[in-house]
């Protein structure tokens, strides 16, 4: 009788261990997935931060260009150069988005 009871308890223990191992395996996979998602989201945040900085720089440059009077030849050269910079920034933003 004692052997039967021991055998039954051993089987129950083995079943519980199998269930725990299955749960552990599921949790490990979920953890890996969440870590990957976290890295992906951190990259998205970095890209968005870079875009924001680029937009802020673009706004600053546009403000400078708009505040310059168009009467001076030298000023028009500065405006042209700043517009070129804005176009380059736009290209960089486009590459960051893709």
PDB file of N, CA and C in Angstrom:
ATOM      1  N   UNK A   1       0.810  -1.190   0.000  1.00  0.00           N
ATOM      2  CA  UNK A   1       0.000   0.000   0.000  1.00  0.00           C
ATOM      3  C   UNK A   1       0.860   1.264   0.000  1.00  0.00           C
ATOM      4  N   UNK A   2       1.909   1.211   0.805  1.00  0.00           N
ATOM      5  CA  UNK A   2       2.749   2.376   0.917  1.00  0.00           C
ATOM      6  C   UNK A   2       3.421   2.685  -0.418  1.00  0.00           C
ATOM      7  N   UNK A   3       3.799   1.633  -1.167  1.00  0.00           N
ATOM      8  CA  UNK A   3       4.422   1.820  -2.474  1.00  0.00           C
ATOM      9  C   UNK A   3       3.442   2.465  -3.439  1.00  0.00           C
ATOM     10  N   UNK A   4       2.174   2.064  -3.391  1.00  0.00           N
ATOM     11  CA  UNK A   4       1.164   2.648  -4.270  1.00  0.00           C
ATOM     12  C   UNK A   4       0.993   4.143  -3.982  1.00  0.00           C
ATOM     13  N   UNK A   5       0.952   4.446  -2.725  1.00  0.00           N
ATOM     14  CA  UNK A   5       0.776   5.852  -2.343  1.00  0.00           C
ATOM     15  C   UNK A   5       1.993   6.680  -2.768  1.00  0.00           C
ATOM     16  N   UNK A   6       3.190   6.124  -2.560  1.00  0.00           N
ATOM     17  CA  UNK A   6       4.424   6.796  -2.962  1.00  0.00           C
ATOM     18  C   UNK A   6       4.458   6.979  -4.480  1.00  0.00           C
ATOM     19  N   UNK A   7       4.038   5.953  -5.194  1.00  0.00           N
ATOM     20  CA  UNK A   7       4.009   6.008  -6.663  1.00  0.00           C
ATOM     21  C   UNK A   7       3.030   7.088  -7.138  1.00  0.00           C
ATOM     22  N   UNK A   8       1.878   7.161  -6.501  1.00  0.00           N
ATOM     23  CA  UNK A   8       0.870   8.154  -6.863  1.00  0.00           C
ATOM     24  C   UNK A   8       1.391   9.571  -6.586  1.00  0.00           C
ATOM     25  N   UNK A   9       2.016   9.751  -5.446  1.00  0.00           N
ATOM     26  CA  UNK A   9       2.570  11.060  -5.111  1.00  0.00           C
ATOM     27  C   UNK A   9       3.700  11.441  -6.071  1.00  0.00           C
ATOM     28  N   UNK A  10       4.510  10.466  -6.447  1.00  0.00           N
ATOM     29  CA  UNK A  10       5.591  10.706  -7.398  1.00  0.00           C
ATOM     30  C   UNK A  10       5.032  11.124  -8.757  1.00  0.00           C
ATOM     31  N   UNK A  11       3.975  10.463  -9.199  1.00  0.00           N
ATOM     32  CA  UNK A  11       3.345  10.827 -10.473  1.00  0.00           C
ATOM     33  C   UNK A  11       2.759  12.247 -10.402  1.00  0.00           C
ATOM     34  N   UNK A  12       2.141  12.560  -9.285  1.00  0.00           N
ATOM     35  CA  UNK A  12       1.571  13.898  -9.124  1.00  0.00           C
ATOM     36  C   UNK A  12       2.687  14.950  -9.141  1.00  0.00           C
ATOM     37  N   UNK A  13       3.778  14.636  -8.481  1.00  0.00           N
ATOM     38  CA  UNK A  13       4.919  15.549  -8.455  1.00  0.00           C
ATOM     39  C   UNK A  13       5.510  15.724  -9.853  1.00  0.00           C
ATOM     40  N   UNK A  14       5.642  14.635 -10.599  1.00  0.00           N
ATOM     41  CA  UNK A  14       6.142  14.713 -11.974  1.00  0.00           C
ATOM     42  C   UNK A  14       5.222  15.568 -12.845  1.00  0.00           C
ATOM     43  N   UNK A  15       3.927  15.410 -12.673  1.00  0.00           N
ATOM     44  CA  UNK A  15       2.957  16.195 -13.441  1.00  0.00           C
ATOM     45  C   UNK A  15       3.100  17.684 -13.113  1.00  0.00           C
ATOM     46  N   UNK A  16       3.249  17.996 -11.829  1.00  0.00           N
ATOM     47  CA  UNK A  16       3.420  19.389 -11.420  1.00  0.00           C
ATOM     48  C   UNK A  16       4.719  19.971 -11.982  1.00  0.00           C
ATOM     49  N   UNK A  17       5.766  19.174 -11.979  1.00  0.00           N
ATOM     50  CA  UNK A  17       7.048  19.635 -12.531  1.00  0.00           C
ATOM     51  C   UNK A  17       6.911  19.908 -14.022  1.00  0.00           C
ATOM     52  N   UNK A  18       6.236  19.019 -14.748  1.00  0.00           N
ATOM     53  CA  UNK A  18       6.009  19.228 -16.185  1.00  0.00           C
ATOM     54  C   UNK A  18       5.217  20.513 -16.426  1.00  0.00           C
ATOM     55  N   UNK A  19       4.188  20.744 -15.611  1.00  0.00           N
ATOM     56  CA  UNK A  19       3.396  21.962 -15.749  1.00  0.00           C
ATOM     57  C   UNK A  19       4.239  23.208 -15.471  1.00  0.00           C
ATOM     58  N   UNK A  20       5.066  23.121 -14.434  1.00  0.00           N
ATOM     59  CA  UNK A  20       5.947  24.249 -14.118  1.00  0.00           C
ATOM     60  C   UNK A  20       6.947  24.512 -15.244  1.00  0.00           C
ATOM     61  N   UNK A  21       7.490  23.447 -15.815  1.00  0.00           N
ATOM     62  CA  UNK A  21       8.431  23.609 -16.921  1.00  0.00           C
ATOM     63  C   UNK A  21       7.743  24.221 -18.140  1.00  0.00           C
ATOM     64  N   UNK A  22       6.520  23.802 -18.404  1.00  0.00           N
ATOM     65  CA  UNK A  22       5.758  24.371 -19.516  1.00  0.00           C
ATOM     66  C   UNK A  22       5.497  25.851 -19.273  1.00  0.00           C
ATOM     67  N   UNK A  23       5.063  26.184 -18.059  1.00  0.00           N
ATOM     68  CA  UNK A  23       4.825  27.590 -17.718  1.00  0.00           C
ATOM     69  C   UNK A  23       6.121  28.399 -17.831  1.00  0.00           C
ATOM     70  N   UNK A  24       7.207  27.821 -17.366  1.00  0.00           N
ATOM     71  CA  UNK A  24       8.504  28.496 -17.443  1.00  0.00           C
ATOM     72  C   UNK A  24       8.878  28.763 -18.902  1.00  0.00           C
ATOM     73  N   UNK A  25       8.697  27.785 -19.751  1.00  0.00           N
ATOM     74  CA  UNK A  25       9.021  27.928 -21.172  1.00  0.00           C
ATOM     75  C   UNK A  25       8.185  29.052 -21.804  1.00  0.00           C
ATOM     76  N   UNK A  26       6.910  29.097 -21.489  1.00  0.00           N
ATOM     77  CA  UNK A  26       6.018  30.142 -22.007  1.00  0.00           C
ATOM     78  C   UNK A  26       6.485  31.516 -21.518  1.00  0.00           C
ATOM     79  N   UNK A  27       6.834  31.605 -20.252  1.00  0.00           N
ATOM     80  CA  UNK A  27       7.273  32.880 -19.688  1.00  0.00           C
ATOM     81  C   UNK A  27       8.605  33.335 -20.275  1.00  0.00           C
ATOM     82  N   UNK A  28       9.500  32.413 -20.536  1.00  0.00           N
ATOM     83  CA  UNK A  28      10.783  32.757 -21.146  1.00  0.00           C
ATOM     84  C   UNK A  28      10.550  33.325 -22.548  1.00  0.00           C
ATOM     85  N   UNK A  29       9.689  32.677 -23.314  1.00  0.00           N
ATOM     86  CA  UNK A  29       9.382  33.176 -24.657  1.00  0.00           C
ATOM     87  C   UNK A  29       8.728  34.554 -24.592  1.00  0.00           C
ATOM     88  N   UNK A  30       7.794  34.729 -23.679  1.00  0.00           N
ATOM     89  CA  UNK A  30       7.121  36.018 -23.530  1.00  0.00           C
ATOM     90  C   UNK A  30       8.124  37.101 -23.132  1.00  0.00           C
ATOM     91  N   UNK A  31       9.034  36.763 -22.241  1.00  0.00           N
ATOM     92  CA  UNK A  31      10.065  37.701 -21.807  1.00  0.00           C
ATOM     93  C   UNK A  31      10.953  38.111 -22.987  1.00  0.00           C
ATOM     94  N   UNK A  32      11.356  37.156 -23.810  1.00  0.00           N
ATOM     95  CA  UNK A  32      12.176  37.461 -24.985  1.00  0.00           C
ATOM     96  C   UNK A  32      11.422  38.391 -25.939  1.00  0.00           C
ATOM     97  N   UNK A  33      10.142  38.106 -26.140  1.00  0.00           N
ATOM     98  CA  UNK A  33       9.318  38.922 -27.022  1.00  0.00           C
ATOM     99  C   UNK A  33       9.205  40.354 -26.480  1.00  0.00           C
ATOM    100  N   UNK A  34       8.993  40.479 -25.178  1.00  0.00           N
ATOM    101  CA  UNK A  34       8.865  41.796 -24.568  1.00  0.00           C
ATOM    102  C   UNK A  34      10.183  42.569 -24.611  1.00  0.00           C
ATOM    103  N   UNK A  35      11.303  41.872 -24.449  1.00  0.00           N
ATOM    104  CA  UNK A  35      12.601  42.533 -24.551  1.00  0.00           C
ATOM    105  C   UNK A  35      12.817  43.077 -25.963  1.00  0.00           C
ATOM    106  N   UNK A  36      12.458  42.276 -26.957  1.00  0.00           N
ATOM    107  CA  UNK A  36      12.592  42.723 -28.347  1.00  0.00           C
ATOM    108  C   UNK A  36      11.680  43.920 -28.615  1.00  0.00           C
ATOM    109  N   UNK A  37      10.456  43.847 -28.130  1.00  0.00           N
ATOM    110  CA  UNK A  37       9.521  44.957 -28.305  1.00  0.00           C
ATOM    111  C   UNK A  37      10.057  46.219 -27.624  1.00  0.00           C
ATOM    112  N   UNK A  38      10.646  46.055 -26.458  1.00  0.00           N
ATOM    113  CA  UNK A  38      11.215  47.184 -25.730  1.00  0.00           C
ATOM    114  C   UNK A  38      12.335  47.840 -26.537  1.00  0.00           C
ATOM    115  N   UNK A  39      13.214  47.029 -27.105  1.00  0.00           N
ATOM    116  CA  UNK A  39      14.306  47.558 -27.925  1.00  0.00           C
ATOM    117  C   UNK A  39      13.739  48.294 -29.137  1.00  0.00           C
ATOM    118  N   UNK A  40      12.738  47.696 -29.782  1.00  0.00           N
ATOM    119  CA  UNK A  40      12.113  48.327 -30.945  1.00  0.00           C
ATOM    120  C   UNK A  40      11.499  49.677 -30.564  1.00  0.00           C
ATOM    121  N   UNK A  41      10.816  49.719 -29.443  1.00  0.00           N
ATOM    122  CA  UNK A  41      10.181  50.965 -29.005  1.00  0.00           C
ATOM    123  C   UNK A  41      11.221  52.019 -28.629  1.00  0.00           C
ATOM    124  N   UNK A  42      12.326  51.589 -28.033  1.00  0.00           N
ATOM    125  CA  UNK A  42      13.399  52.531 -27.720  1.00  0.00           C
ATOM    126  C   UNK A  42      13.986  53.131 -28.999  1.00  0.00           C
ATOM    127  N   UNK A  43      14.111  52.298 -30.041  1.00  0.00           N
ATOM    128  CA  UNK A  43      14.597  52.805 -31.329  1.00  0.00           C
ATOM    129  C   UNK A  43      13.609  53.801 -31.929  1.00  0.00           C
ATOM    130  N   UNK A  44      12.323  53.516 -31.811  1.00  0.00           N
ATOM    131  CA  UNK A  44      11.305  54.441 -32.307  1.00  0.00           C
ATOM    132  C   UNK A  44      11.410  55.776 -31.573  1.00  0.00           C
ATOM    133  N   UNK A  45      11.580  55.709 -30.265  1.00  0.00           N
ATOM    134  CA  UNK A  45      11.708  56.940 -29.467  1.00  0.00           C
ATOM    135  C   UNK A  45      12.937  57.732 -29.899  1.00  0.00           C
ATOM    136  N   UNK A  46      14.065  57.048 -30.111  1.00  0.00           N
ATOM    137  CA  UNK A  46      15.277  57.734 -30.554  1.00  0.00           C
ATOM    138  C   UNK A  46      15.062  58.412 -31.907  1.00  0.00           C
ATOM    139  N   UNK A  47      14.398  57.692 -32.818  1.00  0.00           N
ATOM    140  CA  UNK A  47      14.115  58.278 -34.134  1.00  0.00           C
ATOM    141  C   UNK A  47      13.195  59.481 -34.021  1.00  0.00           C
ATOM    142  N   UNK A  48      12.181  59.364 -33.190  1.00  0.00           N
ATOM    143  CA  UNK A  48      11.246  60.485 -33.012  1.00  0.00           C
ATOM    144  C   UNK A  48      11.950  61.671 -32.365  1.00  0.00           C
ATOM    145  N   UNK A  49      12.836  61.410 -31.408  1.00  0.00           N
ATOM    146  CA  UNK A  49      13.598  62.490 -30.785  1.00  0.00           C
ATOM    147  C   UNK A  49      14.477  63.199 -31.819  1.00  0.00           C
ATOM    148  N   UNK A  50      15.102  62.409 -32.704  1.00  0.00           N
ATOM    149  CA  UNK A  50      15.932  62.995 -33.758  1.00  0.00           C
ATOM    150  C   UNK A  50      15.081  63.827 -34.709  1.00  0.00           C
ATOM    151  N   UNK A  51      13.911  63.313 -35.046  1.00  0.00           N
ATOM    152  CA  UNK A  51      13.006  64.068 -35.916  1.00  0.00           C
ATOM    153  C   UNK A  51      12.593  65.376 -35.252  1.00  0.00           C
ATOM    154  N   UNK A  52      12.261  65.306 -33.992  1.00  0.00           N
ATOM    155  CA  UNK A  52      11.855  66.496 -33.254  1.00  0.00           C
ATOM    156  C   UNK A  52      12.977  67.533 -33.241  1.00  0.00           C
ATOM    157  N   UNK A  53      14.190  67.090 -32.980  1.00  0.00           N
ATOM    158  CA  UNK A  53      15.329  68.007 -32.980  1.00  0.00           C
ATOM    159  C   UNK A  53      15.513  68.622 -34.362  1.00  0.00           C
ATOM    160  N   UNK A  54      15.363  67.796 -35.407  1.00  0.00           N
ATOM    161  CA  UNK A  54      15.481  68.317 -36.771  1.00  0.00           C
ATOM    162  C   UNK A  54      14.394  69.338 -37.066  1.00  0.00           C
ATOM    163  N   UNK A  55      13.168  69.058 -36.643  1.00  0.00           N
ATOM    164  CA  UNK A  55      12.083  70.013 -36.864  1.00  0.00           C
ATOM    165  C   UNK A  55      12.327  71.312 -36.105  1.00  0.00           C
ATOM    166  N   UNK A  56      12.830  71.203 -34.887  1.00  0.00           N
ATOM    167  CA  UNK A  56      13.120  72.404 -34.110  1.00  0.00           C
ATOM    168  C   UNK A  56      14.216  73.229 -34.783  1.00  0.00           C
ATOM    169  N   UNK A  57      15.245  72.553 -35.301  1.00  0.00           N
ATOM    170  CA  UNK A  57      16.305  73.253 -36.031  1.00  0.00           C
ATOM    171  C   UNK A  57      15.743  73.907 -37.292  1.00  0.00           C
ATOM    172  N   UNK A  58      14.872  73.199 -37.958  1.00  0.00           N
ATOM    173  CA  UNK A  58      14.264  73.736 -39.175  1.00  0.00           C
ATOM    174  C   UNK A  58      13.440  74.990 -38.855  1.00  0.00           C
ATOM    175  N   UNK A  59      12.695  74.942 -37.772  1.00  0.00           N
ATOM    176  CA  UNK A  59      11.901  76.104 -37.353  1.00  0.00           C
ATOM    177  C   UNK A  59      12.826  77.273 -37.035  1.00  0.00           C
ATOM    178  N   UNK A  60      13.916  76.987 -36.324  1.00  0.00           N
ATOM    179  CA  UNK A  60      14.877  78.055 -35.993  1.00  0.00           C
ATOM    180  C   UNK A  60      15.482  78.658 -37.252  1.00  0.00           C
ATOM    181  N   UNK A  61      15.868  77.821 -38.185  1.00  0.00           N
ATOM    182  CA  UNK A  61      16.455  78.310 -39.428  1.00  0.00           C
ATOM    183  C   UNK A  61      15.436  79.112 -40.216  1.00  0.00           C
ATOM    184  N   UNK A  62      14.217  78.615 -40.292  1.00  0.00           N
ATOM    185  CA  UNK A  62      13.163  79.330 -41.010  1.00  0.00           C
ATOM    186  C   UNK A  62      12.899  80.684 -40.368  1.00  0.00           C
ATOM    187  N   UNK A  63      12.901  80.725 -39.062  1.00  0.00           N
ATOM    188  CA  UNK A  63      12.704  81.993 -38.356  1.00  0.00           C
ATOM    189  C   UNK A  63      13.823  82.971 -38.688  1.00  0.00           C
ATOM    190  N   UNK A  64      15.050  82.488 -38.718  1.00  0.00           N
ATOM    191  CA  UNK A  64      16.189  83.340 -39.065  1.00  0.00           C
ATOM    192  C   UNK A  64      16.045  83.845 -40.494  1.00  0.00           C
ATOM    193  N   UNK A  65      15.718  82.962 -41.412  1.00  0.00           N
ATOM    194  CA  UNK A  65      15.564  83.341 -42.815  1.00  0.00           C
ATOM    195  C   UNK A  65      14.457  84.378 -42.965  1.00  0.00           C
ATOM    196  N   UNK A  66      13.352  84.159 -42.287  1.00  0.00           N
ATOM    197  CA  UNK A  66      12.224  85.084 -42.390  1.00  0.00           C
ATOM    198  C   UNK A  66      12.547  86.450 -41.803  1.00  0.00           C
ATOM    199  N   UNK A  67      13.436  86.495 -40.820  1.00  0.00           N
ATOM    200  CA  UNK A  67      13.743  87.769 -40.167  1.00  0.00           C
ATOM    201  C   UNK A  67      14.761  88.597 -40.940  1.00  0.00           C
ATOM    202  N   UNK A  68      15.446  87.969 -41.880  1.00  0.00           N
ATOM    203  CA  UNK A  68      16.452  88.688 -42.667  1.00  0.00           C
ATOM    204  C   UNK A  68      15.743  89.500 -43.747  1.00  0.00           C
ATOM    205  N   UNK A  69      16.156  90.732 -43.910  1.00  0.00           N
ATOM    206  CA  UNK A  69      15.560  91.554 -44.969  1.00  0.00           C
ATOM    207  C   UNK A  69      16.172  91.179 -46.307  1.00  0.00           C
ATOM    208  N   UNK A  70      15.415  91.313 -47.369  1.00  0.00           N
ATOM    209  CA  UNK A  70      15.847  90.876 -48.689  1.00  0.00           C
ATOM    210  C   UNK A  70      16.607  91.952 -49.445  1.00  0.00           C
ATOM    211  N   UNK A  71      16.906  93.117 -48.857  1.00  0.00           N
ATOM    212  CA  UNK A  71      17.539  94.207 -49.569  1.00  0.00           C
ATOM    213  C   UNK A  71      19.006  93.996 -49.876  1.00  0.00           C
ATOM    214  N   UNK A  72      19.709  93.286 -49.069  1.00  0.00           N
ATOM    215  CA  UNK A  72      21.157  93.136 -49.216  1.00  0.00           C
ATOM    216  C   UNK A  72      21.484  91.898 -50.047  1.00  0.00           C
ATOM    217  N   UNK A  73      22.491  92.009 -50.957  1.00  0.00           N
ATOM    218  CA  UNK A  73      22.902  90.869 -51.777  1.00  0.00           C
ATOM    219  C   UNK A  73      23.476  89.774 -50.891  1.00  0.00           C
ATOM    220  N   UNK A  74      24.257  90.157 -49.906  1.00  0.00           N
ATOM    221  CA  UNK A  74      24.857  89.180 -48.994  1.00  0.00           C
ATOM    222  C   UNK A  74      23.769  88.422 -48.230  1.00  0.00           C
ATOM    223  N   UNK A  75      22.735  89.111 -47.860  1.00  0.00           N
ATOM    224  CA  UNK A  75      21.632  88.505 -47.128  1.00  0.00           C
ATOM    225  C   UNK A  75      20.936  87.459 -47.996  1.00  0.00           C
ATOM    226  N   UNK A  76      20.779  87.737 -49.273  1.00  0.00           N
ATOM    227  CA  UNK A  76      20.120  86.769 -50.146  1.00  0.00           C
ATOM    228  C   UNK A  76      20.959  85.504 -50.284  1.00  0.00           C
ATOM    229  N   UNK A  77      22.269  85.642 -50.254  1.00  0.00           N
ATOM    230  CA  UNK A  77      23.144  84.469 -50.288  1.00  0.00           C
ATOM    231  C   UNK A  77      22.963  83.635 -49.020  1.00  0.00           C
ATOM    232  N   UNK A  78      22.842  84.320 -47.890  1.00  0.00           N
ATOM    233  CA  UNK A  78      22.631  83.620 -46.619  1.00  0.00           C
ATOM    234  C   UNK A  78      21.296  82.883 -46.657  1.00  0.00           C
ATOM    235  N   UNK A  79      20.271  83.542 -47.166  1.00  0.00           N
ATOM    236  CA  UNK A  79      18.957  82.896 -47.275  1.00  0.00           C
ATOM    237  C   UNK A  79      19.029  81.653 -48.149  1.00  0.00           C
ATOM    238  N   UNK A  80      19.729  81.783 -49.266  1.00  0.00           N
ATOM    239  CA  UNK A  80      19.855  80.649 -50.188  1.00  0.00           C
ATOM    240  C   UNK A  80      20.578  79.477 -49.510  1.00  0.00           C
ATOM    241  N   UNK A  81      21.646  79.796 -48.789  1.00  0.00           N
ATOM    242  CA  UNK A  81      22.406  78.749 -48.092  1.00  0.00           C
ATOM    243  C   UNK A  81      21.542  78.078 -47.012  1.00  0.00           C
ATOM    244  N   UNK A  82      20.792  78.888 -46.288  1.00  0.00           N
ATOM    245  CA  UNK A  82      19.924  78.324 -45.253  1.00  0.00           C
ATOM    246  C   UNK A  82      18.834  77.448 -45.865  1.00  0.00           C
ATOM    247  N   UNK A  83      18.300  77.852 -46.990  1.00  0.00           N
ATOM    248  CA  UNK A  83      17.299  77.020 -47.676  1.00  0.00           C
ATOM    249  C   UNK A  83      17.896  75.692 -48.111  1.00  0.00           C
ATOM    250  N   UNK A  84      19.157  75.711 -48.543  1.00  0.00           N
ATOM    251  CA  UNK A  84      19.838  74.461 -48.895  1.00  0.00           C
ATOM    252  C   UNK A  84      19.950  73.551 -47.666  1.00  0.00           C
ATOM    253  N   UNK A  85      20.289  74.160 -46.516  1.00  0.00           N
ATOM    254  CA  UNK A  85      20.382  73.383 -45.280  1.00  0.00           C
ATOM    255  C   UNK A  85      19.030  72.762 -44.928  1.00  0.00           C
ATOM    256  N   UNK A  86      17.987  73.533 -45.107  1.00  0.00           N
ATOM    257  CA  UNK A  86      16.642  73.025 -44.811  1.00  0.00           C
ATOM    258  C   UNK A  86      16.323  71.835 -45.703  1.00  0.00           C
ATOM    259  N   UNK A  87      16.686  71.915 -46.958  1.00  0.00           N
ATOM    260  CA  UNK A  87      16.444  70.793 -47.879  1.00  0.00           C
ATOM    261  C   UNK A  87      17.228  69.562 -47.446  1.00  0.00           C
ATOM    262  N   UNK A  88      18.468  69.764 -47.005  1.00  0.00           N
ATOM    263  CA  UNK A  88      19.279  68.645 -46.533  1.00  0.00           C
ATOM    264  C   UNK A  88      18.672  68.016 -45.276  1.00  0.00           C
ATOM    265  N   UNK A  89      18.173  68.853 -44.388  1.00  0.00           N
ATOM    266  CA  UNK A  89      17.518  68.351 -43.180  1.00  0.00           C
ATOM    267  C   UNK A  89      16.285  67.546 -43.551  1.00  0.00           C
ATOM    268  N   UNK A  90      15.522  68.028 -44.521  1.00  0.00           N
ATOM    269  CA  UNK A  90      14.347  67.285 -44.991  1.00  0.00           C
ATOM    270  C   UNK A  90      14.732  65.913 -45.524  1.00  0.00           C
ATOM    271  N   UNK A  91      15.841  65.851 -46.258  1.00  0.00           N
ATOM    272  CA  UNK A  91      16.316  64.560 -46.771  1.00  0.00           C
ATOM    273  C   UNK A  91      16.668  63.625 -45.614  1.00  0.00           C
ATOM    274  N   UNK A  92      17.346  64.165 -44.606  1.00  0.00           N
ATOM    275  CA  UNK A  92      17.735  63.347 -43.445  1.00  0.00           C
ATOM    276  C   UNK A  92      16.499  62.817 -42.730  1.00  0.00           C
ATOM    277  N   UNK A  93      15.497  63.660 -42.569  1.00  0.00           N
ATOM    278  CA  UNK A  93      14.261  63.231 -41.926  1.00  0.00           C
ATOM    279  C   UNK A  93      13.599  62.131 -42.740  1.00  0.00           C
ATOM    280  N   UNK A  94      13.599  62.297 -44.044  1.00  0.00           N
ATOM    281  CA  UNK A  94      13.006  61.283 -44.922  1.00  0.00           C
ATOM    282  C   UNK A  94      13.723  59.943 -44.753  1.00  0.00           C
ATOM    283  N   UNK A  95      15.066  59.966 -44.705  1.00  0.00           N
ATOM    284  CA  UNK A  95      15.825  58.726 -44.531  1.00  0.00           C
ATOM    285  C   UNK A  95      15.572  58.103 -43.161  1.00  0.00           C
ATOM    286  N   UNK A  96      15.406  58.944 -42.142  1.00  0.00           N
ATOM    287  CA  UNK A  96      15.119  58.412 -40.806  1.00  0.00           C
ATOM    288  C   UNK A  96      13.773  57.703 -40.762  1.00  0.00           C
ATOM    289  N   UNK A  97      12.823  58.211 -41.523  1.00  0.00           N
ATOM    290  CA  UNK A  97      11.477  57.624 -41.536  1.00  0.00           C
ATOM    291  C   UNK A  97      11.426  56.313 -42.294  1.00  0.00           C
ATOM    292  N   UNK A  98      12.409  56.045 -43.120  1.00  0.00           N
ATOM    293  CA  UNK A  98      12.374  54.831 -43.946  1.00  0.00           C
ATOM    294  C   UNK A  98      13.556  54.013 -43.655  1.00  0.00           C
TER     295      UNK A  98
END
